[in-house]
Each structure stands twice: as structure tokens, then as C-alpha cells.
Amino acid sequence: MTAQPSFDDGLDRLETLVQQLESGSLSLEEALARFEEGVQLSQALQKQLAEAQRRVEVLKAGLGGEYRAEPLDEAKGSR
């Protein structure tokens, strides 16, 4: 299994792909390959954002309004 790029690296790569597609200089096969990579990368980035949002919610969900961190595995079971 390949390592997932950091969010910033993924965003940079997605921006590069968009620029390549917008340039109009790619062949149809190259454009389709870049588009497919972009869709997959976009989905991975959406998952990273959703996970970050969930982690923030866990941190804010302390008892009595207190902020506290909980292990992610326990938080999944409580939902």
C-alpha cells in the first residue's frame, strides 16, 4: 500500500493537474489519465478533510464544555 501524501502535497499535485488539463496541450489519453488521477486525489483529500473535521468535533465534545482529546478509536464507537 502506498503512503498517502500530506494534504498540502496532495493539494499542490491537484493544482498541477488542473493547470495541465487547462493548458490544452495534452493528448486525449494523457488528459484522461490526469483527470482520473485528479478525481482520485480529490476524493482522498475530501476524506482527509472529513477526518480532520471529525477530530476537531471530538476535541470540542468534552463533558461540561471542556475541551479534551480522546483516542480516535473510542470516538468511532461512541457515534
Protein backbone atom coordinates (compact mmCIF):
# COMPACT_ATOMS: atom_id res chain seq x y z
CA MET A 1 0.00 0.00 0.00
CA THR A 2 1.43 3.39 -0.96
CA ALA A 3 1.74 6.15 1.60
CA GLN A 4 -0.89 8.85 1.37
CA PRO A 5 0.59 12.27 0.57
CA SER A 6 0.17 15.09 3.05
CA PHE A 7 -2.85 17.30 2.49
CA ASP A 8 -0.68 20.18 1.26
CA ASP A 9 1.28 17.95 -1.13
CA GLY A 10 -1.96 16.48 -2.46
CA LEU A 11 -3.43 19.93 -2.97
CA ASP A 12 -0.29 21.05 -4.82
CA ARG A 13 -0.47 17.98 -7.07
CA LEU A 14 -4.16 18.59 -7.76
CA GLU A 15 -3.41 22.19 -8.73
CA THR A 16 -0.69 20.97 -11.11
CA LEU A 17 -3.11 18.51 -12.70
CA VAL A 18 -5.71 21.24 -13.22
CA GLN A 19 -3.13 23.50 -14.83
CA GLN A 20 -2.04 20.70 -17.17
CA LEU A 21 -5.64 19.98 -18.15
CA GLU A 22 -6.42 23.66 -18.69
CA SER A 23 -3.35 24.11 -20.90
CA GLY A 24 -4.98 22.06 -23.65
CA SER A 25 -1.62 20.63 -24.66
CA LEU A 26 -2.25 17.04 -23.54
CA SER A 27 -3.34 14.24 -25.80
CA LEU A 28 -6.73 12.71 -25.09
CA GLU A 29 -5.12 9.72 -23.36
CA GLU A 30 -2.89 11.95 -21.22
CA ALA A 31 -5.80 14.21 -20.32
CA LEU A 32 -7.95 11.25 -19.28
CA ALA A 33 -5.12 9.86 -17.15
CA ARG A 34 -4.60 13.26 -15.44
CA PHE A 35 -8.36 13.65 -14.93
CA GLU A 36 -8.62 10.19 -13.36
CA GLU A 37 -5.68 10.93 -11.06
CA GLY A 38 -7.29 14.24 -10.11
CA VAL A 39 -10.61 12.62 -9.24
CA GLN A 40 -8.89 10.02 -7.07
CA LEU A 41 -6.76 12.68 -5.41
CA SER A 42 -9.79 14.89 -4.81
CA GLN A 43 -11.60 12.02 -3.10
CA ALA A 44 -8.57 11.30 -0.90
CA LEU A 45 -8.32 14.97 0.07
CA GLN A 46 -12.05 15.07 0.90
CA LYS A 47 -11.53 12.09 3.22
CA GLN A 48 -8.62 13.85 4.92
CA LEU A 49 -10.75 16.97 5.45
CA ALA A 50 -13.64 14.93 6.85
CA GLU A 51 -11.29 13.15 9.25
CA ALA A 52 -9.80 16.46 10.40
CA GLN A 53 -13.29 17.86 10.98
CA ARG A 54 -14.25 14.77 12.96
CA ARG A 55 -11.13 15.11 15.10
CA VAL A 56 -11.99 18.74 15.86
CA GLU A 57 -15.51 17.71 16.85
CA VAL A 58 -14.09 15.06 19.21
CA LEU A 59 -11.84 17.67 20.79
CA LYS A 60 -14.76 20.06 21.29
CA ALA A 61 -17.14 17.43 22.64
CA GLY A 62 -15.72 17.28 26.17
CA LEU A 63 -18.05 16.88 29.13
CA GLY A 64 -19.30 20.12 30.60
CA GLY A 65 -17.99 22.11 27.66
CA GLU A 66 -14.39 21.23 28.49
CA TYR A 67 -12.01 20.63 25.63
CA ARG A 68 -10.32 17.27 25.75
CA ALA A 69 -8.76 14.87 23.29
CA GLU A 70 -9.96 11.29 23.00
CA PRO A 71 -8.38 8.41 21.11
CA LEU A 72 -9.96 8.19 17.66
CA ASP A 73 -10.90 4.51 18.00
CA GLU A 74 -13.02 5.19 21.09
CA ALA A 75 -14.68 8.16 19.40
CA LYS A 76 -15.76 5.98 16.47
CA GLY A 77 -17.51 3.56 18.82
CA SER A 78 -19.44 6.30 20.59
CA ARG A 79 -21.16 7.58 17.42
